[in-house]
């Protein structure tokens, strides 16, 4: 077993619409990673696919227990209690649950190795994510920002950076129809 997940040439399309193509990254296990990009840039889709990869595992790494706090039902897209989007066999989903409530719940009751949330938007989200990071749980999250520079302008992000919650960043850049990805380490303070 390796201590990192290597994702190579991950692609996603819906019919003729390509959401992302040939995404590759090395994600250390237990790592905290944030995905940034513009609205409609593919953050949620990439987050969903990363959740599935972590939850399914493969010959190189074991499947991880992933808890998804799906506040707006955009990740699992639950209908009548059933996920409409595949998130993997080892994924538990809390739908329509605020992140600030759901993160402490899964920490106490589900023993996740990774917690995933879509769109960090509130101060309460920050406190809950700090709690999870201090418990040694890996985090995957998305936030609206076109670049790391724009991310640094967000007051909520500065608090996450100060608390050293996220260590890595995946920036999705859109140029017309083409997308590019930058994966890198974040500075630990602002």
C-alpha atoms as a PDB file:
ATOM      1  CA  UNK A   1       0.000   0.000   0.000  1.00  0.00           C
ATOM      2  CA  UNK A   2       1.224   3.501  -0.807  1.00  0.00           C
ATOM      3  CA  UNK A   3       0.766   6.602   1.331  1.00  0.00           C
ATOM      4  CA  UNK A   4      -0.476   8.691  -1.595  1.00  0.00           C
ATOM      5  CA  UNK A   5      -3.066   8.322  -4.308  1.00  0.00           C
ATOM      6  CA  UNK A   6      -1.863   8.884  -7.847  1.00  0.00           C
ATOM      7  CA  UNK A   7      -4.640  10.029 -10.164  1.00  0.00           C
ATOM      8  CA  UNK A   8      -3.707   9.874 -13.837  1.00  0.00           C
ATOM      9  CA  UNK A   9      -5.666  11.207 -16.805  1.00  0.00           C
ATOM     10  CA  UNK A  10      -9.039  11.464 -15.057  1.00  0.00           C
ATOM     11  CA  UNK A  11     -11.612  12.817 -17.514  1.00  0.00           C
ATOM     12  CA  UNK A  12     -15.308  13.623 -17.254  1.00  0.00           C
ATOM     13  CA  UNK A  13     -17.900  14.613 -19.817  1.00  0.00           C
ATOM     14  CA  UNK A  14     -21.662  14.771 -20.052  1.00  0.00           C
ATOM     15  CA  UNK A  15     -22.537  13.917 -23.629  1.00  0.00           C
ATOM     16  CA  UNK A  16     -20.624  16.371 -25.797  1.00  0.00           C
ATOM     17  CA  UNK A  17     -19.745  18.671 -22.888  1.00  0.00           C
ATOM     18  CA  UNK A  18     -16.260  17.999 -21.514  1.00  0.00           C
ATOM     19  CA  UNK A  19     -16.037  19.045 -17.866  1.00  0.00           C
ATOM     20  CA  UNK A  20     -12.369  18.142 -17.436  1.00  0.00           C
ATOM     21  CA  UNK A  21      -9.838  16.145 -19.397  1.00  0.00           C
ATOM     22  CA  UNK A  22      -6.619  14.407 -18.372  1.00  0.00           C
ATOM     23  CA  UNK A  23      -6.550  15.619 -14.766  1.00  0.00           C
ATOM     24  CA  UNK A  24      -3.581  14.105 -12.931  1.00  0.00           C
ATOM     25  CA  UNK A  25      -2.435  14.617  -9.354  1.00  0.00           C
ATOM     26  CA  UNK A  26      -0.665  12.933  -6.468  1.00  0.00           C
ATOM     27  CA  UNK A  27      -2.739  13.315  -3.285  1.00  0.00           C
ATOM     28  CA  UNK A  28      -1.031  12.189  -0.065  1.00  0.00           C
ATOM     29  CA  UNK A  29      -3.386  10.203   2.183  1.00  0.00           C
ATOM     30  CA  UNK A  30      -4.746  12.228   5.080  1.00  0.00           C
ATOM     31  CA  UNK A  31      -3.933  15.412   3.176  1.00  0.00           C
ATOM     32  CA  UNK A  32      -6.188  18.463   3.207  1.00  0.00           C
ATOM     33  CA  UNK A  33      -6.936  19.751  -0.282  1.00  0.00           C
ATOM     34  CA  UNK A  34      -9.058  22.636  -1.552  1.00  0.00           C
ATOM     35  CA  UNK A  35     -10.314  22.941  -5.141  1.00  0.00           C
ATOM     36  CA  UNK A  36     -10.696  26.450  -6.552  1.00  0.00           C
ATOM     37  CA  UNK A  37     -12.062  27.782  -9.799  1.00  0.00           C
ATOM     38  CA  UNK A  38     -14.694  30.019 -11.286  1.00  0.00           C
ATOM     39  CA  UNK A  39     -18.405  29.280 -11.068  1.00  0.00           C
ATOM     40  CA  UNK A  40     -19.254  26.514 -13.543  1.00  0.00           C
ATOM     41  CA  UNK A  41     -15.583  25.573 -13.913  1.00  0.00           C
ATOM     42  CA  UNK A  42     -15.959  21.940 -12.799  1.00  0.00           C
ATOM     43  CA  UNK A  43     -15.073  22.155  -9.084  1.00  0.00           C
ATOM     44  CA  UNK A  44     -18.043  20.125  -7.871  1.00  0.00           C
ATOM     45  CA  UNK A  45     -17.629  17.508 -10.602  1.00  0.00           C
ATOM     46  CA  UNK A  46     -13.928  17.086  -9.836  1.00  0.00           C
ATOM     47  CA  UNK A  47     -14.671  16.934  -6.102  1.00  0.00           C
ATOM     48  CA  UNK A  48     -17.282  14.232  -6.709  1.00  0.00           C
ATOM     49  CA  UNK A  49     -14.852  12.178  -8.788  1.00  0.00           C
ATOM     50  CA  UNK A  50     -12.070  12.525  -6.203  1.00  0.00           C
ATOM     51  CA  UNK A  51     -14.498  11.314  -3.512  1.00  0.00           C
ATOM     52  CA  UNK A  52     -15.296   8.253  -5.622  1.00  0.00           C
ATOM     53  CA  UNK A  53     -11.605   7.485  -6.283  1.00  0.00           C
ATOM     54  CA  UNK A  54     -10.783   7.702  -2.562  1.00  0.00           C
ATOM     55  CA  UNK A  55     -13.811   5.613  -1.556  1.00  0.00           C
ATOM     56  CA  UNK A  56     -13.250   2.828  -4.073  1.00  0.00           C
ATOM     57  CA  UNK A  57      -9.497   2.383  -3.661  1.00  0.00           C
ATOM     58  CA  UNK A  58      -7.523   0.171  -6.046  1.00  0.00           C
ATOM     59  CA  UNK A  59      -4.651  -2.326  -6.083  1.00  0.00           C
ATOM     60  CA  UNK A  60      -2.213   0.363  -4.910  1.00  0.00           C
ATOM     61  CA  UNK A  61      -4.211   1.807  -1.998  1.00  0.00           C
ATOM     62  CA  UNK A  62      -7.033   0.751   0.241  1.00  0.00           C
ATOM     63  CA  UNK A  63     -10.492   2.247   0.039  1.00  0.00           C
ATOM     64  CA  UNK A  64     -10.962   5.119   2.474  1.00  0.00           C
ATOM     65  CA  UNK A  65     -14.011   5.898   4.607  1.00  0.00           C
ATOM     66  CA  UNK A  66     -15.340   9.174   3.204  1.00  0.00           C
ATOM     67  CA  UNK A  67     -18.066  11.304   4.804  1.00  0.00           C
ATOM     68  CA  UNK A  68     -19.764  13.825   2.532  1.00  0.00           C
ATOM     69  CA  UNK A  69     -21.599  16.769   4.053  1.00  0.00           C
ATOM     70  CA  UNK A  70     -23.817  17.622   1.082  1.00  0.00           C
ATOM     71  CA  UNK A  71     -25.501  20.779   2.314  1.00  0.00           C
ATOM     72  CA  UNK A  72     -27.174  21.677  -0.988  1.00  0.00           C
ATOM     73  CA  UNK A  73     -27.443  18.157  -2.478  1.00  0.00           C
ATOM     74  CA  UNK A  74     -25.029  18.918  -5.303  1.00  0.00           C
ATOM     75  CA  UNK A  75     -22.513  16.125  -4.676  1.00  0.00           C
ATOM     76  CA  UNK A  76     -24.635  12.998  -4.147  1.00  0.00           C
ATOM     77  CA  UNK A  77     -27.808  14.523  -5.641  1.00  0.00           C
ATOM     78  CA  UNK A  78     -30.031  12.496  -3.303  1.00  0.00           C
ATOM     79  CA  UNK A  79     -33.627  11.750  -4.228  1.00  0.00           C
ATOM     80  CA  UNK A  80     -35.846   9.882  -1.747  1.00  0.00           C
ATOM     81  CA  UNK A  81     -32.772   9.006   0.306  1.00  0.00           C
ATOM     82  CA  UNK A  82     -30.747   7.540  -2.574  1.00  0.00           C
ATOM     83  CA  UNK A  83     -27.672   9.075  -4.143  1.00  0.00           C
ATOM     84  CA  UNK A  84     -28.115   9.670  -7.864  1.00  0.00           C
ATOM     85  CA  UNK A  85     -24.369  10.237  -8.362  1.00  0.00           C
ATOM     86  CA  UNK A  86     -21.864   7.458  -7.679  1.00  0.00           C
ATOM     87  CA  UNK A  87     -19.585   8.375  -4.769  1.00  0.00           C
ATOM     88  CA  UNK A  88     -18.072   4.974  -4.006  1.00  0.00           C
ATOM     89  CA  UNK A  89     -18.820   2.042  -1.727  1.00  0.00           C
ATOM     90  CA  UNK A  90     -17.227   3.502   1.408  1.00  0.00           C
ATOM     91  CA  UNK A  91     -18.944   6.901   1.321  1.00  0.00           C
ATOM     92  CA  UNK A  92     -21.562   8.099   3.802  1.00  0.00           C
ATOM     93  CA  UNK A  93     -23.634  11.157   2.848  1.00  0.00           C
ATOM     94  CA  UNK A  94     -25.417  13.702   5.040  1.00  0.00           C
ATOM     95  CA  UNK A  95     -27.782  15.579   2.712  1.00  0.00           C
ATOM     96  CA  UNK A  96     -29.313  18.979   3.434  1.00  0.00           C
ATOM     97  CA  UNK A  97     -27.181  19.241   6.567  1.00  0.00           C
ATOM     98  CA  UNK A  98     -25.194  22.420   7.251  1.00  0.00           C
ATOM     99  CA  UNK A  99     -21.452  21.819   7.261  1.00  0.00           C
ATOM    100  CA  UNK A 100     -21.128  23.322  10.740  1.00  0.00           C
ATOM    101  CA  UNK A 101     -23.548  20.689  12.087  1.00  0.00           C
ATOM    102  CA  UNK A 102     -22.572  17.735   9.896  1.00  0.00           C
ATOM    103  CA  UNK A 103     -18.795  17.812  10.346  1.00  0.00           C
ATOM    104  CA  UNK A 104     -18.906  17.372  14.148  1.00  0.00           C
ATOM    105  CA  UNK A 105     -21.619  14.710  13.720  1.00  0.00           C
ATOM    106  CA  UNK A 106     -19.538  12.536  11.388  1.00  0.00           C
ATOM    107  CA  UNK A 107     -16.425  13.032  13.536  1.00  0.00           C
ATOM    108  CA  UNK A 108     -18.284  11.690  16.575  1.00  0.00           C
ATOM    109  CA  UNK A 109     -20.314   8.965  14.942  1.00  0.00           C
ATOM    110  CA  UNK A 110     -18.821   7.742  11.660  1.00  0.00           C
ATOM    111  CA  UNK A 111     -15.026   7.637  12.064  1.00  0.00           C
ATOM    112  CA  UNK A 112     -14.266   9.022   8.580  1.00  0.00           C
ATOM    113  CA  UNK A 113     -10.768   9.133   7.150  1.00  0.00           C
ATOM    114  CA  UNK A 114     -11.790  11.937   4.775  1.00  0.00           C
ATOM    115  CA  UNK A 115     -14.544  14.570   5.018  1.00  0.00           C
ATOM    116  CA  UNK A 116     -15.667  16.262   1.799  1.00  0.00           C
ATOM    117  CA  UNK A 117     -17.718  19.452   1.453  1.00  0.00           C
ATOM    118  CA  UNK A 118     -18.687  21.640  -1.474  1.00  0.00           C
ATOM    119  CA  UNK A 119     -18.341  25.428  -1.400  1.00  0.00           C
ATOM    120  CA  UNK A 120     -16.969  26.827   1.820  1.00  0.00           C
ATOM    121  CA  UNK A 121     -19.003  29.982   2.353  1.00  0.00           C
ATOM    122  CA  UNK A 122     -19.550  30.736   6.041  1.00  0.00           C
ATOM    123  CA  UNK A 123     -17.595  31.384   9.222  1.00  0.00           C
ATOM    124  CA  UNK A 124     -19.286  28.389  10.877  1.00  0.00           C
ATOM    125  CA  UNK A 125     -17.888  26.189   8.073  1.00  0.00           C
ATOM    126  CA  UNK A 126     -14.396  27.407   8.980  1.00  0.00           C
ATOM    127  CA  UNK A 127     -14.763  26.467  12.649  1.00  0.00           C
ATOM    128  CA  UNK A 128     -16.044  22.998  11.765  1.00  0.00           C
ATOM    129  CA  UNK A 129     -13.232  22.415   9.260  1.00  0.00           C
ATOM    130  CA  UNK A 130     -10.642  23.524  11.822  1.00  0.00           C
ATOM    131  CA  UNK A 131     -12.116  20.977  14.236  1.00  0.00           C
ATOM    132  CA  UNK A 132     -11.829  18.206  11.643  1.00  0.00           C
ATOM    133  CA  UNK A 133      -8.267  19.168  10.665  1.00  0.00           C
ATOM    134  CA  UNK A 134      -7.232  19.040  14.314  1.00  0.00           C
ATOM    135  CA  UNK A 135      -8.654  15.496  14.551  1.00  0.00           C
ATOM    136  CA  UNK A 136      -6.330  14.206  11.829  1.00  0.00           C
ATOM    137  CA  UNK A 137      -9.049  13.714   9.216  1.00  0.00           C
ATOM    138  CA  UNK A 138      -8.259  14.400   5.565  1.00  0.00           C
ATOM    139  CA  UNK A 139     -10.369  17.175   4.039  1.00  0.00           C
ATOM    140  CA  UNK A 140     -11.545  17.815   0.495  1.00  0.00           C
ATOM    141  CA  UNK A 141     -13.428  21.032  -0.198  1.00  0.00           C
ATOM    142  CA  UNK A 142     -14.167  23.561  -2.891  1.00  0.00           C
ATOM    143  CA  UNK A 143     -14.259  27.353  -2.805  1.00  0.00           C
ATOM    144  CA  UNK A 144     -15.021  29.941  -5.491  1.00  0.00           C
ATOM    145  CA  UNK A 145     -11.835  31.701  -6.601  1.00  0.00           C
ATOM    146  CA  UNK A 146     -10.296  32.051 -10.045  1.00  0.00           C
ATOM    147  CA  UNK A 147      -6.735  31.968  -8.685  1.00  0.00           C
ATOM    148  CA  UNK A 148      -4.700  31.559  -5.516  1.00  0.00           C
ATOM    149  CA  UNK A 149      -4.284  35.358  -5.482  1.00  0.00           C
ATOM    150  CA  UNK A 150      -8.070  35.791  -5.454  1.00  0.00           C
ATOM    151  CA  UNK A 151      -8.297  33.121  -2.748  1.00  0.00           C
ATOM    152  CA  UNK A 152      -5.968  35.171  -0.534  1.00  0.00           C
ATOM    153  CA  UNK A 153      -8.357  38.127  -0.810  1.00  0.00           C
ATOM    154  CA  UNK A 154     -11.199  36.171   0.809  1.00  0.00           C
ATOM    155  CA  UNK A 155     -11.492  36.777   4.579  1.00  0.00           C
ATOM    156  CA  UNK A 156     -12.714  33.215   5.175  1.00  0.00           C
ATOM    157  CA  UNK A 157      -9.734  31.781   3.333  1.00  0.00           C
ATOM    158  CA  UNK A 158      -7.284  33.861   5.354  1.00  0.00           C
ATOM    159  CA  UNK A 159      -8.736  32.284   8.505  1.00  0.00           C
ATOM    160  CA  UNK A 160      -8.338  28.769   7.054  1.00  0.00           C
ATOM    161  CA  UNK A 161      -4.779  29.575   6.044  1.00  0.00           C
ATOM    162  CA  UNK A 162      -3.971  30.983   9.490  1.00  0.00           C
ATOM    163  CA  UNK A 163      -5.377  27.803  11.084  1.00  0.00           C
ATOM    164  CA  UNK A 164      -3.323  25.666   8.632  1.00  0.00           C
ATOM    165  CA  UNK A 165      -6.388  23.701   7.594  1.00  0.00           C
ATOM    166  CA  UNK A 166      -5.492  23.181   3.910  1.00  0.00           C
ATOM    167  CA  UNK A 167      -2.063  22.125   2.667  1.00  0.00           C
ATOM    168  CA  UNK A 168      -2.730  21.646  -1.044  1.00  0.00           C
ATOM    169  CA  UNK A 169      -4.699  23.486  -3.700  1.00  0.00           C
ATOM    170  CA  UNK A 170      -6.066  22.405  -7.061  1.00  0.00           C
ATOM    171  CA  UNK A 171      -6.748  25.455  -9.229  1.00  0.00           C
ATOM    172  CA  UNK A 172      -9.032  24.905 -12.213  1.00  0.00           C
ATOM    173  CA  UNK A 173      -8.464  27.559 -14.861  1.00  0.00           C
ATOM    174  CA  UNK A 174     -10.904  28.051 -17.722  1.00  0.00           C
ATOM    175  CA  UNK A 175      -9.865  29.673 -20.971  1.00  0.00           C
ATOM    176  CA  UNK A 176     -12.789  29.540 -23.337  1.00  0.00           C
ATOM    177  CA  UNK A 177     -13.738  25.859 -23.451  1.00  0.00           C
ATOM    178  CA  UNK A 178     -10.309  24.581 -22.405  1.00  0.00           C
ATOM    179  CA  UNK A 179      -9.426  23.917 -18.766  1.00  0.00           C
ATOM    180  CA  UNK A 180      -6.057  23.565 -17.137  1.00  0.00           C
ATOM    181  CA  UNK A 181      -5.169  22.385 -13.639  1.00  0.00           C
ATOM    182  CA  UNK A 182      -2.488  23.468 -11.245  1.00  0.00           C
ATOM    183  CA  UNK A 183      -1.851  21.318  -8.182  1.00  0.00           C
ATOM    184  CA  UNK A 184       0.467  22.639  -5.512  1.00  0.00           C
ATOM    185  CA  UNK A 185       1.305  23.079  -1.882  1.00  0.00           C
ATOM    186  CA  UNK A 186      -0.044  26.101  -0.052  1.00  0.00           C
ATOM    187  CA  UNK A 187       1.917  28.363   2.238  1.00  0.00           C
ATOM    188  CA  UNK A 188       1.074  27.655   5.862  1.00  0.00           C
ATOM    189  CA  UNK A 189       0.502  31.274   6.835  1.00  0.00           C
ATOM    190  CA  UNK A 190      -0.507  34.489   5.120  1.00  0.00           C
END
